[in-house]
Amino acid sequence: MMSCDPEDSTCHLCGDVAHAGRVLVVERDTNTATVLINDHAVEVAIDLVPGVERGDTVLVHLGFAIERVSA
């Protein structure tokens, strides 16, 4: 879902901001994972990154894992 802020003319969909986080739990039935980012556990969709496993580090943007990061 696109999120634009008319106050500061930013479009969060187009921003180049992604946060790295460690996968804590993978839920195959919902294709989601719980990821630890800056000491906060967040649920993210893992549809775009096949084979995500517990312990992986992924980049997260707008609630989606978009890439696996090599350690």
C-alpha atoms as a PDB file:
ATOM      1  CA  MET A   1       0.000   0.000   0.000  1.00  0.00           C
ATOM      2  CA  MET A   2       1.393   3.364  -0.990  1.00  0.00           C
ATOM      3  CA  SER A   3       1.771   5.937   1.755  1.00  0.00           C
ATOM      4  CA  CYS A   4       2.259   9.573   0.808  1.00  0.00           C
ATOM      5  CA  ASP A   5       2.548  12.470   3.205  1.00  0.00           C
ATOM      6  CA  PRO A   6       1.196  15.726   1.764  1.00  0.00           C
ATOM      7  CA  GLU A   7       2.756  17.656   4.663  1.00  0.00           C
ATOM      8  CA  ASP A   8       6.325  17.025   3.535  1.00  0.00           C
ATOM      9  CA  SER A   9       5.718  15.751  -0.034  1.00  0.00           C
ATOM     10  CA  THR A  10       7.274  12.360   0.619  1.00  0.00           C
ATOM     11  CA  CYS A  11       6.203   9.076  -0.874  1.00  0.00           C
ATOM     12  CA  HIS A  12       7.137   6.154   1.349  1.00  0.00           C
ATOM     13  CA  LEU A  13       6.732   3.708  -1.499  1.00  0.00           C
ATOM     14  CA  CYS A  14       9.411   5.465  -3.534  1.00  0.00           C
ATOM     15  CA  GLY A  15      11.824   6.097  -0.663  1.00  0.00           C
ATOM     16  CA  ASP A  16      15.079   4.208  -0.657  1.00  0.00           C
ATOM     17  CA  VAL A  17      14.765   3.268   3.007  1.00  0.00           C
ATOM     18  CA  ALA A  18      15.067  -0.358   4.065  1.00  0.00           C
ATOM     19  CA  HIS A  19      16.057  -1.713   7.446  1.00  0.00           C
ATOM     20  CA  ALA A  20      18.107  -4.838   8.093  1.00  0.00           C
ATOM     21  CA  GLY A  21      16.747  -7.300  10.614  1.00  0.00           C
ATOM     22  CA  ARG A  22      17.267 -10.858  11.819  1.00  0.00           C
ATOM     23  CA  VAL A  23      14.542 -13.417  11.183  1.00  0.00           C
ATOM     24  CA  LEU A  24      13.283 -14.877  14.458  1.00  0.00           C
ATOM     25  CA  VAL A  25      10.336 -16.998  13.282  1.00  0.00           C
ATOM     26  CA  VAL A  26       9.104 -18.105   9.856  1.00  0.00           C
ATOM     27  CA  GLU A  27       5.398 -18.849   9.349  1.00  0.00           C
ATOM     28  CA  ARG A  28       5.155 -20.839   6.097  1.00  0.00           C
ATOM     29  CA  ASP A  29       1.348 -21.059   6.175  1.00  0.00           C
ATOM     30  CA  THR A  30       0.988 -17.256   5.996  1.00  0.00           C
ATOM     31  CA  ASN A  31       4.286 -16.583   4.174  1.00  0.00           C
ATOM     32  CA  THR A  32       5.348 -14.163   6.898  1.00  0.00           C
ATOM     33  CA  ALA A  33       8.237 -13.860   9.311  1.00  0.00           C
ATOM     34  CA  THR A  34       8.868 -12.161  12.612  1.00  0.00           C
ATOM     35  CA  VAL A  35      11.952  -9.998  12.167  1.00  0.00           C
ATOM     36  CA  LEU A  36      13.944  -8.160  14.843  1.00  0.00           C
ATOM     37  CA  ILE A  37      14.711  -4.600  13.710  1.00  0.00           C
ATOM     38  CA  ASN A  38      16.282  -2.132  16.157  1.00  0.00           C
ATOM     39  CA  ASP A  39      15.129  -4.209  19.149  1.00  0.00           C
ATOM     40  CA  HIS A  40      11.527  -4.340  17.849  1.00  0.00           C
ATOM     41  CA  ALA A  41       9.897  -7.528  16.556  1.00  0.00           C
ATOM     42  CA  VAL A  42       7.848  -6.864  13.422  1.00  0.00           C
ATOM     43  CA  GLU A  43       5.835  -9.170  11.175  1.00  0.00           C
ATOM     44  CA  VAL A  44       6.792  -8.942   7.511  1.00  0.00           C
ATOM     45  CA  ALA A  45       5.714 -10.636   4.293  1.00  0.00           C
ATOM     46  CA  ILE A  46       8.368 -12.896   2.789  1.00  0.00           C
ATOM     47  CA  ASP A  47       6.759 -13.461  -0.629  1.00  0.00           C
ATOM     48  CA  LEU A  48       9.563 -11.628  -2.466  1.00  0.00           C
ATOM     49  CA  VAL A  49      12.467 -13.564  -0.907  1.00  0.00           C
ATOM     50  CA  PRO A  50      12.199 -17.322  -1.423  1.00  0.00           C
ATOM     51  CA  GLY A  51      13.719 -19.647   1.150  1.00  0.00           C
ATOM     52  CA  VAL A  52      13.882 -17.270   4.114  1.00  0.00           C
ATOM     53  CA  GLU A  53      14.977 -19.173   7.214  1.00  0.00           C
ATOM     54  CA  ARG A  54      15.284 -18.446  10.921  1.00  0.00           C
ATOM     55  CA  GLY A  55      18.569 -16.611  11.557  1.00  0.00           C
ATOM     56  CA  ASP A  56      18.729 -14.971   8.116  1.00  0.00           C
ATOM     57  CA  THR A  57      19.229 -11.234   7.841  1.00  0.00           C
ATOM     58  CA  VAL A  58      16.797  -9.535   5.482  1.00  0.00           C
ATOM     59  CA  LEU A  59      16.176  -5.997   4.284  1.00  0.00           C
ATOM     60  CA  VAL A  60      12.639  -4.840   5.118  1.00  0.00           C
ATOM     61  CA  HIS A  61      10.769  -2.072   3.295  1.00  0.00           C
ATOM     62  CA  LEU A  62       7.110  -1.198   3.993  1.00  0.00           C
ATOM     63  CA  GLY A  63       6.423  -4.532   5.677  1.00  0.00           C
ATOM     64  CA  PHE A  64       8.051  -6.691   3.000  1.00  0.00           C
ATOM     65  CA  ALA A  65      11.353  -8.543   3.096  1.00  0.00           C
ATOM     66  CA  ILE A  66      12.931  -7.417  -0.174  1.00  0.00           C
ATOM     67  CA  GLU A  67      16.352  -9.085  -0.062  1.00  0.00           C
ATOM     68  CA  ARG A  68      18.459 -11.489   1.988  1.00  0.00           C
ATOM     69  CA  VAL A  69      21.713  -9.928   3.228  1.00  0.00           C
ATOM     70  CA  SER A  70      24.920 -11.941   3.402  1.00  0.00           C
ATOM     71  CA  ALA A  71      26.755 -11.799   6.702  1.00  0.00           C
END
